[in-house]
Structures are given as C-alpha cells and as structure tokens.
C-alpha cells in the first residue's frame, strides 16, 4: 500500500482533510484505506500549496477516524 497522507482535520460527518507528500500525490477518485486495510472513503480534491498539498476525502462515516492518523491507497 502507498501512503495517501495524514489526517489534519475532520470536517462534519463526511469529510476529512489530509496532508499529502508532494512527491507521492495519489490520483483523484482513489479509494482510501486505514492501516488495517478497511475502506475509509474516496479522495475527491487536491488543493493547497505545491510544496505541501492537502486533499479532501469523502467518507460514509468519520466515526473511526482520528486526527493524526495515516491513510493509504492501493
């Protein structure tokens, strides 16, 4: 699995903001997983500075997500 990024903040019940590595940006509309390979959501937007980009992940539920946790793609 490849690293998608670290959770910066949880916005409401359905959105996560993650900070990504500029050298390993995941493609848009990629499924995102936690460390146990459970699906978390889908990456829907990349925004911010070129040297330290952020991405938004749409989730069905953010109950199991913790700020500072890592997310991955396949």
PDB file of N, CA and C in Angstrom:
ATOM      1  N   UNK A   1       0.832  -1.184   0.000  1.00  0.00           N
ATOM      2  CA  UNK A   1       0.000   0.000   0.000  1.00  0.00           C
ATOM      3  C   UNK A   1       0.876   1.246   0.000  1.00  0.00           C
ATOM      4  N   UNK A   2       0.392   2.288  -0.652  1.00  0.00           N
ATOM      5  CA  UNK A   2       1.097   3.560  -0.714  1.00  0.00           C
ATOM      6  C   UNK A   2       0.469   4.532   0.274  1.00  0.00           C
ATOM      7  N   UNK A   3       1.264   5.432   0.788  1.00  0.00           N
ATOM      8  CA  UNK A   3       0.773   6.420   1.739  1.00  0.00           C
ATOM      9  C   UNK A   3      -0.005   7.502   1.008  1.00  0.00           C
ATOM     10  N   UNK A   4      -1.229   7.758   1.457  1.00  0.00           N
ATOM     11  CA  UNK A   4      -2.029   8.859   0.900  1.00  0.00           C
ATOM     12  C   UNK A   4      -1.752  10.136   1.671  1.00  0.00           C
ATOM     13  N   UNK A   5      -1.696  10.046   2.998  1.00  0.00           N
ATOM     14  CA  UNK A   5      -1.420  11.229   3.806  1.00  0.00           C
ATOM     15  C   UNK A   5      -1.859  11.051   5.246  1.00  0.00           C
ATOM     16  N   UNK A   6      -1.651  12.098   6.031  1.00  0.00           N
ATOM     17  CA  UNK A   6      -2.009  12.105   7.448  1.00  0.00           C
ATOM     18  C   UNK A   6      -3.234  12.997   7.630  1.00  0.00           C
ATOM     19  N   UNK A   7      -4.176  12.550   8.443  1.00  0.00           N
ATOM     20  CA  UNK A   7      -5.413  13.297   8.673  1.00  0.00           C
ATOM     21  C   UNK A   7      -5.092  14.581   9.437  1.00  0.00           C
ATOM     22  N   UNK A   8      -5.440  15.718   8.844  1.00  0.00           N
ATOM     23  CA  UNK A   8      -5.246  17.015   9.502  1.00  0.00           C
ATOM     24  C   UNK A   8      -6.461  17.406  10.313  1.00  0.00           C
ATOM     25  N   UNK A   9      -7.646  17.227   9.713  1.00  0.00           N
ATOM     26  CA  UNK A   9      -8.862  17.604  10.425  1.00  0.00           C
ATOM     27  C   UNK A   9     -10.049  16.814   9.904  1.00  0.00           C
ATOM     28  N   UNK A  10     -11.067  16.735  10.752  1.00  0.00           N
ATOM     29  CA  UNK A  10     -12.312  16.065  10.426  1.00  0.00           C
ATOM     30  C   UNK A  10     -13.369  17.152  10.299  1.00  0.00           C
ATOM     31  N   UNK A  11     -14.005  17.230   9.127  1.00  0.00           N
ATOM     32  CA  UNK A  11     -14.975  18.276   8.844  1.00  0.00           C
ATOM     33  C   UNK A  11     -16.358  17.643   8.761  1.00  0.00           C
ATOM     34  N   UNK A  12     -17.163  17.840   9.771  1.00  0.00           N
ATOM     35  CA  UNK A  12     -18.504  17.272   9.781  1.00  0.00           C
ATOM     36  C   UNK A  12     -18.478  15.758   9.916  1.00  0.00           C
ATOM     37  N   UNK A  13     -19.494  15.115   9.346  1.00  0.00           N
ATOM     38  CA  UNK A  13     -19.609  13.664   9.445  1.00  0.00           C
ATOM     39  C   UNK A  13     -19.093  12.934   8.212  1.00  0.00           C
ATOM     40  N   UNK A  14     -18.791  13.679   7.138  1.00  0.00           N
ATOM     41  CA  UNK A  14     -18.465  13.005   5.887  1.00  0.00           C
ATOM     42  C   UNK A  14     -17.199  13.483   5.192  1.00  0.00           C
ATOM     43  N   UNK A  15     -16.373  14.324   5.804  1.00  0.00           N
ATOM     44  CA  UNK A  15     -15.222  14.858   5.097  1.00  0.00           C
ATOM     45  C   UNK A  15     -13.991  14.872   5.987  1.00  0.00           C
ATOM     46  N   UNK A  16     -12.865  14.463   5.397  1.00  0.00           N
ATOM     47  CA  UNK A  16     -11.557  14.523   6.048  1.00  0.00           C
ATOM     48  C   UNK A  16     -10.653  15.409   5.215  1.00  0.00           C
ATOM     49  N   UNK A  17      -9.775  16.148   5.861  1.00  0.00           N
ATOM     50  CA  UNK A  17      -8.721  16.894   5.179  1.00  0.00           C
ATOM     51  C   UNK A  17      -7.417  16.227   5.572  1.00  0.00           C
ATOM     52  N   UNK A  18      -6.640  15.805   4.559  1.00  0.00           N
ATOM     53  CA  UNK A  18      -5.373  15.131   4.820  1.00  0.00           C
ATOM     54  C   UNK A  18      -4.235  15.929   4.197  1.00  0.00           C
ATOM     55  N   UNK A  19      -3.064  15.864   4.807  1.00  0.00           N
ATOM     56  CA  UNK A  19      -1.872  16.478   4.229  1.00  0.00           C
ATOM     57  C   UNK A  19      -1.111  15.385   3.483  1.00  0.00           C
ATOM     58  N   UNK A  20      -0.720  15.696   2.256  1.00  0.00           N
ATOM     59  CA  UNK A  20      -0.076  14.716   1.371  1.00  0.00           C
ATOM     60  C   UNK A  20       1.394  15.059   1.167  1.00  0.00           C
ATOM     61  N   UNK A  21       2.141  14.083   0.705  1.00  0.00           N
ATOM     62  CA  UNK A  21       3.528  14.279   0.312  1.00  0.00           C
ATOM     63  C   UNK A  21       3.523  14.724  -1.146  1.00  0.00           C
ATOM     64  N   UNK A  22       4.188  15.822  -1.450  1.00  0.00           N
ATOM     65  CA  UNK A  22       4.154  16.355  -2.814  1.00  0.00           C
ATOM     66  C   UNK A  22       4.820  15.422  -3.826  1.00  0.00           C
ATOM     67  N   UNK A  23       5.724  14.558  -3.389  1.00  0.00           N
ATOM     68  CA  UNK A  23       6.392  13.628  -4.291  1.00  0.00           C
ATOM     69  C   UNK A  23       5.538  12.401  -4.602  1.00  0.00           C
ATOM     70  N   UNK A  24       4.529  12.113  -3.763  1.00  0.00           N
ATOM     71  CA  UNK A  24       3.702  10.919  -3.945  1.00  0.00           C
ATOM     72  C   UNK A  24       2.216  11.265  -3.893  1.00  0.00           C
ATOM     73  N   UNK A  25       1.772  12.182  -4.728  1.00  0.00           N
ATOM     74  CA  UNK A  25       0.364  12.561  -4.727  1.00  0.00           C
ATOM     75  C   UNK A  25      -0.494  11.411  -5.258  1.00  0.00           C
ATOM     76  N   UNK A  26      -1.520  11.027  -4.532  1.00  0.00           N
ATOM     77  CA  UNK A  26      -2.418   9.988  -5.032  1.00  0.00           C
ATOM     78  C   UNK A  26      -3.335  10.566  -6.118  1.00  0.00           C
ATOM     79  N   UNK A  27      -3.760   9.751  -7.066  1.00  0.00           N
ATOM     80  CA  UNK A  27      -4.679  10.254  -8.101  1.00  0.00           C
ATOM     81  C   UNK A  27      -6.066  10.546  -7.529  1.00  0.00           C
ATOM     82  N   UNK A  28      -6.793  11.412  -8.222  1.00  0.00           N
ATOM     83  CA  UNK A  28      -8.157  11.738  -7.806  1.00  0.00           C
ATOM     84  C   UNK A  28      -9.068  10.524  -7.899  1.00  0.00           C
ATOM     85  N   UNK A  29     -10.086  10.500  -7.072  1.00  0.00           N
ATOM     86  CA  UNK A  29     -11.122   9.464  -7.024  1.00  0.00           C
ATOM     87  C   UNK A  29     -10.558   8.077  -6.714  1.00  0.00           C
ATOM     88  N   UNK A  30      -9.457   8.062  -5.958  1.00  0.00           N
ATOM     89  CA  UNK A  30      -8.859   6.819  -5.495  1.00  0.00           C
ATOM     90  C   UNK A  30      -9.477   6.445  -4.158  1.00  0.00           C
ATOM     91  N   UNK A  31      -9.722   5.161  -3.950  1.00  0.00           N
ATOM     92  CA  UNK A  31     -10.217   4.700  -2.659  1.00  0.00           C
ATOM     93  C   UNK A  31      -9.101   4.801  -1.627  1.00  0.00           C
ATOM     94  N   UNK A  32      -9.465   5.211  -0.418  1.00  0.00           N
ATOM     95  CA  UNK A  32      -8.509   5.436   0.661  1.00  0.00           C
ATOM     96  C   UNK A  32      -8.818   4.450   1.791  1.00  0.00           C
ATOM     97  N   UNK A  33      -7.753   3.890   2.392  1.00  0.00           N
ATOM     98  CA  UNK A  33      -7.887   2.856   3.418  1.00  0.00           C
ATOM     99  C   UNK A  33      -7.127   3.255   4.668  1.00  0.00           C
ATOM    100  N   UNK A  34      -7.479   2.645   5.805  1.00  0.00           N
ATOM    101  CA  UNK A  34      -6.717   2.849   7.032  1.00  0.00           C
ATOM    102  C   UNK A  34      -5.615   1.799   7.113  1.00  0.00           C
ATOM    103  N   UNK A  35      -4.909   1.744   8.221  1.00  0.00           N
ATOM    104  CA  UNK A  35      -3.776   0.821   8.371  1.00  0.00           C
ATOM    105  C   UNK A  35      -4.211  -0.641   8.357  1.00  0.00           C
ATOM    106  N   UNK A  36      -5.466  -0.930   8.725  1.00  0.00           N
ATOM    107  CA  UNK A  36      -5.985  -2.297   8.726  1.00  0.00           C
ATOM    108  C   UNK A  36      -6.609  -2.683   7.386  1.00  0.00           C
ATOM    109  N   UNK A  37      -6.403  -1.854   6.357  1.00  0.00           N
ATOM    110  CA  UNK A  37      -6.937  -2.045   5.008  1.00  0.00           C
ATOM    111  C   UNK A  37      -8.462  -2.018   4.954  1.00  0.00           C
ATOM    112  N   UNK A  38      -9.077  -1.317   5.897  1.00  0.00           N
ATOM    113  CA  UNK A  38     -10.526  -1.103   5.855  1.00  0.00           C
ATOM    114  C   UNK A  38     -10.785   0.155   5.043  1.00  0.00           C
ATOM    115  N   UNK A  39     -11.768   0.139   4.141  1.00  0.00           N
ATOM    116  CA  UNK A  39     -12.047   1.338   3.340  1.00  0.00           C
ATOM    117  C   UNK A  39     -12.541   2.492   4.204  1.00  0.00           C
ATOM    118  N   UNK A  40     -11.979   3.666   3.952  1.00  0.00           N
ATOM    119  CA  UNK A  40     -12.359   4.865   4.692  1.00  0.00           C
ATOM    120  C   UNK A  40     -13.215   5.773   3.823  1.00  0.00           C
ATOM    121  N   UNK A  41     -12.808   5.978   2.575  1.00  0.00           N
ATOM    122  CA  UNK A  41     -13.543   6.870   1.691  1.00  0.00           C
ATOM    123  C   UNK A  41     -12.853   6.995   0.350  1.00  0.00           C
ATOM    124  N   UNK A  42     -13.135   8.111  -0.333  1.00  0.00           N
ATOM    125  CA  UNK A  42     -12.585   8.347  -1.661  1.00  0.00           C
ATOM    126  C   UNK A  42     -11.996   9.754  -1.721  1.00  0.00           C
ATOM    127  N   UNK A  43     -10.803   9.885  -2.280  1.00  0.00           N
ATOM    128  CA  UNK A  43     -10.135  11.169  -2.428  1.00  0.00           C
ATOM    129  C   UNK A  43     -10.827  11.952  -3.545  1.00  0.00           C
ATOM    130  N   UNK A  44     -11.348  13.136  -3.233  1.00  0.00           N
ATOM    131  CA  UNK A  44     -12.147  13.874  -4.209  1.00  0.00           C
ATOM    132  C   UNK A  44     -11.532  15.195  -4.655  1.00  0.00           C
ATOM    133  N   UNK A  45     -10.540  15.719  -3.926  1.00  0.00           N
ATOM    134  CA  UNK A  45      -9.969  17.005  -4.320  1.00  0.00           C
ATOM    135  C   UNK A  45      -8.567  17.154  -3.746  1.00  0.00           C
ATOM    136  N   UNK A  46      -7.680  17.757  -4.540  1.00  0.00           N
ATOM    137  CA  UNK A  46      -6.334  18.098  -4.081  1.00  0.00           C
ATOM    138  C   UNK A  46      -6.213  19.615  -4.182  1.00  0.00           C
ATOM    139  N   UNK A  47      -5.749  20.240  -3.109  1.00  0.00           N
ATOM    140  CA  UNK A  47      -5.676  21.697  -3.085  1.00  0.00           C
ATOM    141  C   UNK A  47      -4.501  22.138  -2.227  1.00  0.00           C
ATOM    142  N   UNK A  48      -4.221  23.433  -2.258  1.00  0.00           N
ATOM    143  CA  UNK A  48      -3.187  23.999  -1.400  1.00  0.00           C
ATOM    144  C   UNK A  48      -1.892  24.274  -2.129  1.00  0.00           C
ATOM    145  N   UNK A  49      -0.853  24.445  -1.355  1.00  0.00           N
ATOM    146  CA  UNK A  49       0.467  24.795  -1.833  1.00  0.00           C
ATOM    147  C   UNK A  49       1.106  23.626  -2.584  1.00  0.00           C
ATOM    148  N   UNK A  50       1.921  23.913  -3.565  1.00  0.00           N
ATOM    149  CA  UNK A  50       2.578  22.860  -4.340  1.00  0.00           C
ATOM    150  C   UNK A  50       3.561  22.072  -3.479  1.00  0.00           C
ATOM    151  N   UNK A  51       4.244  22.727  -2.563  1.00  0.00           N
ATOM    152  CA  UNK A  51       5.242  22.040  -1.748  1.00  0.00           C
ATOM    153  C   UNK A  51       4.624  21.232  -0.608  1.00  0.00           C
ATOM    154  N   UNK A  52       3.417  21.580  -0.172  1.00  0.00           N
ATOM    155  CA  UNK A  52       2.743  20.816   0.887  1.00  0.00           C
ATOM    156  C   UNK A  52       1.235  20.755   0.599  1.00  0.00           C
ATOM    157  N   UNK A  53       0.842  19.922  -0.364  1.00  0.00           N
ATOM    158  CA  UNK A  53      -0.568  19.875  -0.755  1.00  0.00           C
ATOM    159  C   UNK A  53      -1.447  19.179   0.282  1.00  0.00           C
ATOM    160  N   UNK A  54      -2.727  19.479   0.204  1.00  0.00           N
ATOM    161  CA  UNK A  54      -3.742  18.836   1.029  1.00  0.00           C
ATOM    162  C   UNK A  54      -4.756  18.177   0.102  1.00  0.00           C
ATOM    163  N   UNK A  55      -5.527  17.281   0.647  1.00  0.00           N
ATOM    164  CA  UNK A  55      -6.567  16.613  -0.129  1.00  0.00           C
ATOM    165  C   UNK A  55      -7.792  16.440   0.754  1.00  0.00           C
ATOM    166  N   UNK A  56      -8.953  16.374   0.111  1.00  0.00           N
ATOM    167  CA  UNK A  56     -10.177  16.096   0.849  1.00  0.00           C
ATOM    168  C   UNK A  56     -10.640  14.692   0.502  1.00  0.00           C
ATOM    169  N   UNK A  57     -11.094  13.978   1.522  1.00  0.00           N
ATOM    170  CA  UNK A  57     -11.553  12.603   1.385  1.00  0.00           C
ATOM    171  C   UNK A  57     -13.013  12.557   1.823  1.00  0.00           C
ATOM    172  N   UNK A  58     -13.888  12.100   0.932  1.00  0.00           N
ATOM    173  CA  UNK A  58     -15.299  11.953   1.276  1.00  0.00           C
ATOM    174  C   UNK A  58     -15.502  10.567   1.873  1.00  0.00           C
ATOM    175  N   UNK A  59     -16.119  10.503   3.058  1.00  0.00           N
ATOM    176  CA  UNK A  59     -16.327   9.253   3.781  1.00  0.00           C
ATOM    177  C   UNK A  59     -17.816   9.029   3.987  1.00  0.00           C
ATOM    178  N   UNK A  60     -18.199   7.777   4.149  1.00  0.00           N
ATOM    179  CA  UNK A  60     -19.578   7.489   4.526  1.00  0.00           C
ATOM    180  C   UNK A  60     -19.805   7.819   5.989  1.00  0.00           C
ATOM    181  N   UNK A  61     -18.755   7.663   6.813  1.00  0.00           N
ATOM    182  CA  UNK A  61     -18.833   7.995   8.238  1.00  0.00           C
ATOM    183  C   UNK A  61     -17.413   8.208   8.763  1.00  0.00           C
ATOM    184  N   UNK A  62     -17.211   9.263   9.524  1.00  0.00           N
ATOM    185  CA  UNK A  62     -15.879   9.568  10.052  1.00  0.00           C
ATOM    186  C   UNK A  62     -15.712   9.109  11.495  1.00  0.00           C
ATOM    187  N   UNK A  63     -16.585   8.241  11.978  1.00  0.00           N
ATOM    188  CA  UNK A  63     -16.558   7.836  13.389  1.00  0.00           C
ATOM    189  C   UNK A  63     -15.256   7.151  13.770  1.00  0.00           C
ATOM    190  N   UNK A  64     -14.662   6.337  12.898  1.00  0.00           N
ATOM    191  CA  UNK A  64     -13.448   5.607  13.241  1.00  0.00           C
ATOM    192  C   UNK A  64     -12.166   6.358  12.941  1.00  0.00           C
ATOM    193  N   UNK A  65     -12.259   7.584  12.438  1.00  0.00           N
ATOM    194  CA  UNK A  65     -11.081   8.346  12.048  1.00  0.00           C
ATOM    195  C   UNK A  65     -10.591   9.213  13.203  1.00  0.00           C
ATOM    196  N   UNK A  66      -9.272   9.285  13.332  1.00  0.00           N
ATOM    197  CA  UNK A  66      -8.646  10.065  14.398  1.00  0.00           C
ATOM    198  C   UNK A  66      -7.699  11.076  13.755  1.00  0.00           C
ATOM    199  N   UNK A  67      -7.740  12.299  14.207  1.00  0.00           N
ATOM    200  CA  UNK A  67      -6.828  13.321  13.699  1.00  0.00           C
ATOM    201  C   UNK A  67      -5.386  12.886  13.973  1.00  0.00           C
ATOM    202  N   UNK A  68      -4.561  12.935  12.936  1.00  0.00           N
ATOM    203  CA  UNK A  68      -3.167  12.499  13.043  1.00  0.00           C
ATOM    204  C   UNK A  68      -2.949  11.092  12.526  1.00  0.00           C
ATOM    205  N   UNK A  69      -4.009  10.360  12.205  1.00  0.00           N
ATOM    206  CA  UNK A  69      -3.882   9.002  11.682  1.00  0.00           C
ATOM    207  C   UNK A  69      -3.464   8.980  10.227  1.00  0.00           C
ATOM    208  N   UNK A  70      -2.825   7.901   9.823  1.00  0.00           N
ATOM    209  CA  UNK A  70      -2.369   7.760   8.439  1.00  0.00           C
ATOM    210  C   UNK A  70      -3.426   7.068   7.588  1.00  0.00           C
ATOM    211  N   UNK A  71      -3.496   7.475   6.315  1.00  0.00           N
ATOM    212  CA  UNK A  71      -4.378   6.846   5.341  1.00  0.00           C
ATOM    213  C   UNK A  71      -3.546   6.367   4.165  1.00  0.00           C
ATOM    214  N   UNK A  72      -4.031   5.334   3.486  1.00  0.00           N
ATOM    215  CA  UNK A  72      -3.266   4.678   2.430  1.00  0.00           C
ATOM    216  C   UNK A  72      -4.122   4.443   1.208  1.00  0.00           C
ATOM    217  N   UNK A  73      -3.463   4.241   0.052  1.00  0.00           N
ATOM    218  CA  UNK A  73      -4.119   3.836  -1.189  1.00  0.00           C
ATOM    219  C   UNK A  73      -3.479   2.544  -1.664  1.00  0.00           C
ATOM    220  N   UNK A  74      -4.138   1.859  -2.569  1.00  0.00           N
ATOM    221  CA  UNK A  74      -3.585   0.623  -3.124  1.00  0.00           C
ATOM    222  C   UNK A  74      -2.994   0.865  -4.484  1.00  0.00           C
TER     223      UNK A  74
END
